[in-house]
């Protein structure tokens, strides 16, 4: 009995350490265990060709894009994933069943391209599909080839996998997506795993623990209505996101020309507040300075990359068609973010109360306008009210006084 007591006294502290370590290793956010592969502690930032080039990608465009992301300073701000989308592979596998890069578009091979990306201290991403074919129907999907394709990607130096959901024979993504997750983990290479089944089966309810991000919406289009609808759809799942796993309302359209500057500022601000992946979707090689200024707003990027990792959300709810809305949420170091959104067609005054964004009612606070890059001073009345232009936003960091 005495020996048992001594053993018990030694083992209990050890079990406690293991328990605490496990709790840290598998972070929980609103009851969901998030995937812990060491990636996605903040939302990913980078570039993808699809929104602008529509699968007309080749290695020259990728190399020139890498050079532009470095020379503009985007890379220094954290845009470090360079991701190619559909139509990069030949229509058939080789005799060993391996995916083959298209010779007409990637004559130097994917490994060579990944090496170039890495030489610029950036990361390389690729695309595949959880079905028989990818969405463009021009290359094989990874269904039943998960282990082989994961090994190929790892050998090429892939750092990010966008995994689509076309031509899947009707099988649930809840079954198919974990297979690729296990295959990626088995390679031993850290690969960010981005699930893209467009929110059909409410992935926020099951994708934490499977992927590092999951699409909550259909594909975005370069117009105000499409962007706003996706923001609304993504907002529904705010409580399920956190460090290691993020809701994804699709890539950024900033710079593609379909929206006004004010609309693009709203787009970028909403994505930043929602802790969405900031994946640029335009041609950065030929980007106007006015668009570049939006994508390079350090204060807005800091909100997206905040270490607390809490997705901001819509906090005023006056109905689905209400034009004047307040979005907000907590940031690290006791700060908060507040966003006034005017969805209407004329200028309107919008008021945000501090308690709406999580601060104590009537708090005395310091307010900073992150687009004007200006401190607005102390506010003791418990709210801020501003006139906001049509299809525009005002965005603030709010710091309660101690």
Protein backbone atom coordinates (compact mmCIF):
# COMPACT_ATOMS: atom_id res chain seq x y z
CA UNK A 1 0.00 0.00 0.00
CA UNK A 2 2.84 2.39 0.87
CA UNK A 3 4.45 1.76 -2.52
CA UNK A 4 1.15 2.56 -4.21
CA UNK A 5 0.88 5.86 -2.32
CA UNK A 6 4.40 6.85 -3.35
CA UNK A 7 3.64 5.95 -6.98
CA UNK A 8 0.37 7.90 -6.84
CA UNK A 9 2.12 10.94 -5.36
CA UNK A 10 4.58 10.91 -8.25
CA UNK A 11 2.11 10.24 -11.07
CA UNK A 12 -0.59 12.80 -10.19
CA UNK A 13 1.63 15.89 -10.82
CA UNK A 14 2.80 14.29 -14.06
CA UNK A 15 -0.78 13.72 -15.19
CA UNK A 16 -1.60 17.31 -14.35
CA UNK A 17 1.29 18.55 -16.52
CA UNK A 18 0.15 16.32 -19.38
CA UNK A 19 -3.42 17.56 -19.00
CA UNK A 20 -2.40 21.21 -19.10
CA UNK A 21 -0.07 20.62 -22.04
CA UNK A 22 -2.84 18.88 -23.99
CA UNK A 23 -5.24 21.71 -23.23
CA UNK A 24 -2.73 24.11 -24.79
CA UNK A 25 -1.94 21.81 -27.69
CA UNK A 26 -5.58 21.45 -28.66
CA UNK A 27 -7.06 24.93 -28.21
CA UNK A 28 -10.79 25.14 -27.72
CA UNK A 29 -12.99 27.92 -29.00
CA UNK A 30 -16.67 27.79 -28.03
CA UNK A 31 -16.42 24.04 -27.51
CA UNK A 32 -14.64 23.24 -30.79
CA UNK A 33 -11.23 21.58 -30.74
CA UNK A 34 -9.16 23.32 -33.41
CA UNK A 35 -6.57 21.66 -35.63
CA UNK A 36 -3.15 21.96 -34.03
CA UNK A 37 -0.53 21.65 -36.74
CA UNK A 38 1.32 24.75 -35.60
CA UNK A 39 -0.22 26.87 -38.38
CA UNK A 40 -2.89 29.54 -38.62
CA UNK A 41 -2.34 31.12 -35.23
CA UNK A 42 -3.50 34.28 -37.00
CA UNK A 43 -5.46 34.38 -40.28
CA UNK A 44 -3.30 33.64 -43.34
CA UNK A 45 -2.26 36.46 -45.64
CA UNK A 46 -1.13 36.09 -49.22
CA UNK A 47 -2.21 35.96 -52.86
CA UNK A 48 -4.18 33.64 -55.14
CA UNK A 49 -4.60 33.87 -58.91
CA UNK A 50 -8.25 32.80 -59.27
CA UNK A 51 -10.22 36.06 -58.85
CA UNK A 52 -8.22 37.93 -61.48
CA UNK A 53 -6.67 35.35 -63.81
CA UNK A 54 -9.51 32.79 -63.69
CA UNK A 55 -7.29 29.73 -63.95
CA UNK A 56 -5.09 31.20 -66.70
CA UNK A 57 -2.07 30.92 -64.46
CA UNK A 58 1.51 30.09 -65.46
CA UNK A 59 4.95 30.16 -63.89
CA UNK A 60 5.86 33.54 -65.41
CA UNK A 61 2.88 35.22 -63.76
CA UNK A 62 3.71 33.57 -60.44
CA UNK A 63 7.37 34.61 -60.52
CA UNK A 64 6.48 38.19 -61.49
CA UNK A 65 3.85 38.26 -58.74
CA UNK A 66 6.39 37.09 -56.18
CA UNK A 67 8.75 39.88 -57.25
CA UNK A 68 5.94 42.45 -57.05
CA UNK A 69 4.80 41.33 -53.60
CA UNK A 70 8.35 41.77 -52.37
CA UNK A 71 9.10 45.07 -54.13
CA UNK A 72 5.84 46.78 -53.12
CA UNK A 73 6.36 45.93 -49.45
CA UNK A 74 3.35 43.62 -49.25
CA UNK A 75 5.56 40.71 -48.20
CA UNK A 76 7.00 42.74 -45.32
CA UNK A 77 3.45 43.31 -44.04
CA UNK A 78 2.71 39.57 -43.87
CA UNK A 79 1.34 38.65 -47.30
CA UNK A 80 3.51 35.56 -47.52
CA UNK A 81 1.47 32.76 -49.13
CA UNK A 82 1.72 32.61 -52.94
CA UNK A 83 -1.04 30.22 -54.00
CA UNK A 84 -1.87 28.80 -57.42
CA UNK A 85 -5.42 27.66 -58.10
CA UNK A 86 -7.03 25.23 -60.56
CA UNK A 87 -5.60 24.11 -63.95
CA UNK A 88 -1.95 23.76 -62.95
CA UNK A 89 -1.78 20.00 -63.65
CA UNK A 90 -2.03 17.76 -66.70
CA UNK A 91 -5.34 16.04 -67.30
CA UNK A 92 -3.90 12.61 -66.49
CA UNK A 93 -1.52 11.27 -63.89
CA UNK A 94 1.79 9.65 -64.82
CA UNK A 95 2.24 5.87 -64.96
CA UNK A 96 2.95 5.79 -61.21
CA UNK A 97 -0.25 7.70 -60.50
CA UNK A 98 1.44 11.01 -59.65
CA UNK A 99 0.07 14.43 -60.52
CA UNK A 100 2.01 16.14 -63.31
CA UNK A 101 2.46 19.91 -63.81
CA UNK A 102 1.19 21.21 -67.14
CA UNK A 103 4.16 21.47 -69.47
CA UNK A 104 2.67 24.44 -71.33
CA UNK A 105 2.23 26.50 -68.16
CA UNK A 106 4.86 25.20 -65.73
CA UNK A 107 7.70 23.90 -67.90
CA UNK A 108 10.20 24.24 -65.04
CA UNK A 109 8.04 22.15 -62.71
CA UNK A 110 6.30 22.91 -59.44
CA UNK A 111 9.30 22.09 -57.25
CA UNK A 112 11.40 24.64 -59.09
CA UNK A 113 8.68 27.26 -58.71
CA UNK A 114 8.27 26.54 -55.00
CA UNK A 115 12.03 26.90 -54.58
CA UNK A 116 11.86 30.34 -56.17
CA UNK A 117 9.04 31.39 -53.85
CA UNK A 118 11.00 30.13 -50.85
CA UNK A 119 14.13 31.97 -52.01
CA UNK A 120 12.18 35.20 -51.45
CA UNK A 121 11.25 34.12 -47.91
CA UNK A 122 7.67 33.48 -48.98
CA UNK A 123 5.52 30.35 -48.85
CA UNK A 124 4.05 28.36 -51.71
CA UNK A 125 0.47 27.10 -51.99
CA UNK A 126 -1.24 24.73 -54.38
CA UNK A 127 -4.77 23.58 -55.22
CA UNK A 128 -6.53 20.25 -55.37
CA UNK A 129 -10.02 18.81 -54.98
CA UNK A 130 -11.69 16.23 -52.76
CA UNK A 131 -13.37 14.69 -55.79
CA UNK A 132 -12.40 12.79 -58.96
CA UNK A 133 -11.76 16.01 -60.92
CA UNK A 134 -11.13 19.62 -60.00
CA UNK A 135 -13.83 22.20 -60.66
CA UNK A 136 -12.43 23.13 -64.08
CA UNK A 137 -12.52 19.43 -65.08
CA UNK A 138 -9.06 19.75 -66.61
CA UNK A 139 -7.02 17.95 -63.95
CA UNK A 140 -7.49 15.02 -61.57
CA UNK A 141 -8.80 15.50 -58.07
CA UNK A 142 -7.29 13.78 -55.06
CA UNK A 143 -10.17 11.43 -54.19
CA UNK A 144 -8.62 8.04 -53.33
CA UNK A 145 -5.15 9.54 -53.97
CA UNK A 146 -4.93 11.54 -50.73
CA UNK A 147 -1.76 9.91 -49.37
CA UNK A 148 0.04 9.94 -52.71
CA UNK A 149 -0.84 13.54 -53.48
CA UNK A 150 0.05 14.72 -49.97
CA UNK A 151 3.49 13.11 -50.33
CA UNK A 152 3.92 14.79 -53.73
CA UNK A 153 2.97 18.20 -52.33
CA UNK A 154 5.35 17.79 -49.40
CA UNK A 155 8.19 16.71 -51.71
CA UNK A 156 7.62 19.80 -53.86
CA UNK A 157 7.79 22.09 -50.82
CA UNK A 158 4.12 23.06 -50.66
CA UNK A 159 3.10 25.13 -47.62
CA UNK A 160 -0.64 25.65 -48.26
CA UNK A 161 -3.35 23.48 -49.80
CA UNK A 162 -6.68 24.86 -50.99
CA UNK A 163 -8.98 21.84 -51.24
CA UNK A 164 -12.13 22.21 -53.35
CA UNK A 165 -15.27 20.03 -53.47
CA UNK A 166 -16.24 19.37 -57.10
CA UNK A 167 -17.08 16.01 -58.75
CA UNK A 168 -17.18 14.17 -55.43
CA UNK A 169 -19.75 11.46 -56.29
CA UNK A 170 -22.04 12.73 -53.55
CA UNK A 171 -19.98 11.61 -50.58
CA UNK A 172 -20.04 13.98 -47.62
CA UNK A 173 -17.07 16.33 -47.15
CA UNK A 174 -17.17 15.31 -43.49
CA UNK A 175 -15.77 11.96 -44.66
CA UNK A 176 -13.49 13.08 -47.51
CA UNK A 177 -11.81 16.14 -45.98
CA UNK A 178 -10.37 14.39 -42.89
CA UNK A 179 -8.62 11.89 -45.18
CA UNK A 180 -6.49 14.59 -46.73
CA UNK A 181 -5.89 16.15 -43.31
CA UNK A 182 -4.42 12.87 -42.02
CA UNK A 183 -2.38 12.47 -45.21
CA UNK A 184 -0.91 15.96 -44.87
CA UNK A 185 -0.03 15.44 -41.22
CA UNK A 186 1.61 12.11 -42.06
CA UNK A 187 4.09 13.83 -44.40
CA UNK A 188 5.67 15.65 -41.48
CA UNK A 189 5.64 18.93 -43.43
CA UNK A 190 3.56 21.81 -42.00
CA UNK A 191 0.94 22.54 -44.69
CA UNK A 192 -1.88 25.03 -44.07
CA UNK A 193 -5.10 23.20 -44.94
CA UNK A 194 -7.84 25.42 -46.43
CA UNK A 195 -11.18 23.65 -46.88
CA UNK A 196 -13.41 24.94 -49.68
CA UNK A 197 -16.86 23.31 -49.82
CA UNK A 198 -18.57 26.74 -49.97
CA UNK A 199 -20.44 26.38 -46.67
CA UNK A 200 -22.90 23.80 -48.01
CA UNK A 201 -22.71 21.53 -44.96
CA UNK A 202 -22.04 24.22 -42.34
CA UNK A 203 -18.32 23.47 -42.01
CA UNK A 204 -17.91 25.76 -38.99
CA UNK A 205 -19.70 23.01 -37.04
CA UNK A 206 -17.27 20.24 -38.00
CA UNK A 207 -14.21 21.67 -39.77
CA UNK A 208 -12.43 22.91 -36.62
CA UNK A 209 -10.05 20.06 -35.91
CA UNK A 210 -9.94 19.17 -39.63
CA UNK A 211 -8.63 22.31 -41.36
CA UNK A 212 -7.00 25.64 -40.66
CA UNK A 213 -9.75 27.53 -42.49
CA UNK A 214 -13.08 26.68 -44.07
CA UNK A 215 -15.16 28.51 -46.63
CA UNK A 216 -18.50 29.68 -45.26
CA UNK A 217 -19.82 31.11 -48.53
CA UNK A 218 -20.02 30.63 -52.26
CA UNK A 219 -17.51 32.35 -54.56
CA UNK A 220 -17.29 36.11 -54.24
CA UNK A 221 -17.79 38.45 -57.20
CA UNK A 222 -16.26 41.89 -57.65
CA UNK A 223 -19.30 43.95 -56.68
CA UNK A 224 -20.77 45.51 -53.53
CA UNK A 225 -23.80 43.20 -53.22
CA UNK A 226 -21.77 40.02 -53.51
CA UNK A 227 -19.27 41.25 -50.92
CA UNK A 228 -21.93 42.33 -48.41
CA UNK A 229 -23.87 39.07 -48.74
CA UNK A 230 -20.72 37.10 -47.97
CA UNK A 231 -19.97 39.24 -44.95
CA UNK A 232 -23.49 38.57 -43.64
CA UNK A 233 -23.20 34.83 -44.27
CA UNK A 234 -19.82 34.62 -42.58
CA UNK A 235 -20.99 36.59 -39.54
CA UNK A 236 -23.34 33.75 -38.55
CA UNK A 237 -20.38 31.53 -37.63
CA UNK A 238 -18.25 34.03 -35.69
CA UNK A 239 -18.09 32.04 -32.45
CA UNK A 240 -16.51 29.00 -34.12
CA UNK A 241 -13.31 30.73 -35.31
CA UNK A 242 -10.08 31.22 -33.40
CA UNK A 243 -6.31 30.68 -33.50
CA UNK A 244 -5.70 27.59 -35.62
CA UNK A 245 -8.98 27.70 -37.56
CA UNK A 246 -10.75 30.56 -39.37
CA UNK A 247 -14.03 31.26 -41.13
CA UNK A 248 -13.36 32.13 -44.77
CA UNK A 249 -15.82 34.29 -46.76
CA UNK A 250 -13.58 33.97 -49.85
CA UNK A 251 -10.68 35.97 -51.22
CA UNK A 252 -10.27 39.72 -51.54
CA UNK A 253 -11.45 41.56 -54.67
CA UNK A 254 -9.60 44.80 -53.83
CA UNK A 255 -7.90 46.09 -56.97
CA UNK A 256 -9.95 44.26 -59.60
CA UNK A 257 -11.95 47.38 -60.49
CA UNK A 258 -15.54 46.37 -59.87
CA UNK A 259 -16.07 48.48 -56.73
CA UNK A 260 -15.36 52.04 -55.71
CA UNK A 261 -12.48 52.93 -53.39
CA UNK A 262 -14.90 53.39 -50.48
CA UNK A 263 -16.48 50.01 -51.20
CA UNK A 264 -13.06 48.36 -51.30
CA UNK A 265 -12.14 50.00 -47.97
CA UNK A 266 -15.35 48.56 -46.52
CA UNK A 267 -14.53 45.15 -48.01
CA UNK A 268 -11.02 45.12 -46.58
CA UNK A 269 -12.16 46.44 -43.21
CA UNK A 270 -14.92 43.86 -42.82
CA UNK A 271 -12.58 41.00 -43.75
CA UNK A 272 -9.99 42.30 -41.28
CA UNK A 273 -12.53 42.66 -38.47
CA UNK A 274 -13.96 39.17 -39.16
CA UNK A 275 -10.46 37.65 -38.89
CA UNK A 276 -10.92 36.32 -42.43
CA UNK A 277 -7.91 35.18 -44.46
CA UNK A 278 -6.50 38.20 -46.30
CA UNK A 279 -5.76 36.59 -49.65
CA UNK A 280 -5.22 39.18 -52.38
CA UNK A 281 -7.05 38.32 -55.60
CA UNK A 282 -5.84 40.97 -58.06
CA UNK A 283 -2.87 41.47 -60.38
CA UNK A 284 -0.32 42.98 -57.98
CA UNK A 285 2.14 43.46 -60.84
CA UNK A 286 -0.01 46.30 -62.20
CA UNK A 287 -1.75 47.63 -59.10
CA UNK A 288 -2.72 51.29 -58.76
CA UNK A 289 -1.32 53.02 -55.69
CA UNK A 290 -4.82 53.76 -54.37
CA UNK A 291 -5.57 50.03 -54.19
CA UNK A 292 -2.16 49.27 -52.77
CA UNK A 293 -2.78 51.81 -50.02
CA UNK A 294 -5.87 49.85 -48.96
CA UNK A 295 -4.10 46.50 -48.86
CA UNK A 296 -1.14 48.00 -46.99
CA UNK A 297 -3.01 49.73 -44.16
CA UNK A 298 -0.92 48.51 -41.23
CA UNK A 299 -3.49 49.46 -38.60
CA UNK A 300 -6.26 47.49 -40.29
CA UNK A 301 -3.94 44.52 -40.85
CA UNK A 302 -3.07 44.62 -37.13
CA UNK A 303 -6.77 44.19 -36.29
CA UNK A 304 -6.91 41.10 -38.50
CA UNK A 305 -3.71 39.70 -37.04
CA UNK A 306 -4.55 40.48 -33.41
CA UNK A 307 -3.23 37.74 -31.15
CA UNK A 308 -6.52 37.26 -29.29
CA UNK A 309 -8.03 35.89 -32.50
CA UNK A 310 -11.68 36.73 -31.75
CA UNK A 311 -13.79 37.25 -34.85
CA UNK A 312 -15.55 40.60 -34.79
CA UNK A 313 -19.22 40.52 -35.68
CA UNK A 314 -22.32 42.54 -36.38
CA UNK A 315 -23.51 43.89 -33.04
CA UNK A 316 -26.48 46.05 -34.05
CA UNK A 317 -29.41 44.01 -35.29
CA UNK A 318 -32.31 46.07 -36.58
CA UNK A 319 -33.25 43.69 -39.38
CA UNK A 320 -31.63 42.16 -42.44
CA UNK A 321 -32.24 45.23 -44.60
CA UNK A 322 -31.09 47.83 -42.06
CA UNK A 323 -28.64 50.16 -43.80
CA UNK A 324 -26.86 51.58 -40.74
CA UNK A 325 -24.97 48.91 -38.87
CA UNK A 326 -22.33 48.57 -36.17
CA UNK A 327 -19.80 45.76 -36.16
CA UNK A 328 -17.17 45.19 -33.50
CA UNK A 329 -15.46 43.01 -30.96
CA UNK A 330 -12.56 42.63 -28.54
CA UNK A 331 -8.86 42.88 -29.29
CA UNK A 332 -5.86 42.01 -27.16
CA UNK A 333 -4.54 44.31 -24.41
CA UNK A 334 -8.08 45.31 -23.43
CA UNK A 335 -8.80 47.11 -26.69
CA UNK A 336 -11.84 46.89 -28.94
CA UNK A 337 -12.62 47.48 -32.61
CA UNK A 338 -15.72 49.33 -33.80
CA UNK A 339 -16.88 49.62 -37.40
CA UNK A 340 -19.73 51.80 -38.65
CA UNK A 341 -21.12 50.43 -41.92
CA UNK A 342 -23.50 52.35 -44.17
CA UNK A 343 -25.11 49.93 -46.61
CA UNK A 344 -27.51 52.58 -47.87
CA UNK A 345 -27.35 54.82 -50.90
CA UNK A 346 -26.94 58.15 -49.09
CA UNK A 347 -24.85 59.56 -46.25
CA UNK A 348 -26.20 58.67 -42.82
CA UNK A 349 -25.28 59.17 -39.17
CA UNK A 350 -24.42 56.00 -37.30
CA UNK A 351 -23.92 55.67 -33.55
CA UNK A 352 -21.90 52.92 -31.84
CA UNK A 353 -22.25 52.42 -28.08
CA UNK A 354 -19.23 51.04 -26.29
CA UNK A 355 -21.22 48.23 -24.68
CA UNK A 356 -22.17 47.00 -28.17
CA UNK A 357 -18.54 46.13 -28.89
CA UNK A 358 -17.88 44.62 -25.47
CA UNK A 359 -16.63 47.55 -23.40
CA UNK A 360 -18.28 48.59 -20.15
CA UNK A 361 -21.32 50.86 -20.57
CA UNK A 362 -20.38 54.49 -20.22
CA UNK A 363 -16.65 53.78 -20.33
CA UNK A 364 -14.28 56.67 -20.83
CA UNK A 365 -12.13 55.69 -23.81
CA UNK A 366 -9.47 56.81 -26.25
CA UNK A 367 -10.50 56.44 -29.90
CA UNK A 368 -8.29 56.12 -32.98
CA UNK A 369 -9.49 56.28 -36.58
CA UNK A 370 -7.48 53.58 -38.37
CA UNK A 371 -8.17 54.91 -41.87
CA UNK A 372 -7.43 58.55 -41.08
CA UNK A 373 -4.48 57.35 -38.94
CA UNK A 374 -5.52 59.89 -36.34
CA UNK A 375 -6.26 59.87 -32.62
CA UNK A 376 -9.69 61.37 -32.04
CA UNK A 377 -9.09 61.91 -28.32
CA UNK A 378 -11.04 60.93 -25.22
CA UNK A 379 -14.73 60.06 -25.29
CA UNK A 380 -16.70 59.98 -22.04
CA UNK A 381 -20.29 59.99 -23.34
CA UNK A 382 -20.35 56.21 -23.92
CA UNK A 383 -20.64 56.23 -27.70
CA UNK A 384 -19.33 57.63 -30.98
CA UNK A 385 -21.54 59.00 -33.73
CA UNK A 386 -20.32 59.85 -37.22
CA UNK A 387 -21.73 60.66 -40.63
CA UNK A 388 -20.79 57.79 -42.94
CA UNK A 389 -20.93 58.01 -46.73
CA UNK A 390 -22.98 55.59 -48.81
CA UNK A 391 -21.39 52.14 -49.19
CA UNK A 392 -18.62 53.17 -46.80
CA UNK A 393 -17.28 52.57 -43.30
CA UNK A 394 -15.62 54.27 -40.36
CA UNK A 395 -13.31 52.05 -38.34
CA UNK A 396 -11.89 52.68 -34.89
CA UNK A 397 -9.71 51.10 -32.24
CA UNK A 398 -11.21 51.86 -28.84
CA UNK A 399 -9.03 51.81 -25.71
CA UNK A 400 -10.82 52.11 -22.32
CA UNK A 401 -9.01 54.28 -19.79
CA UNK A 402 -7.77 52.41 -16.75
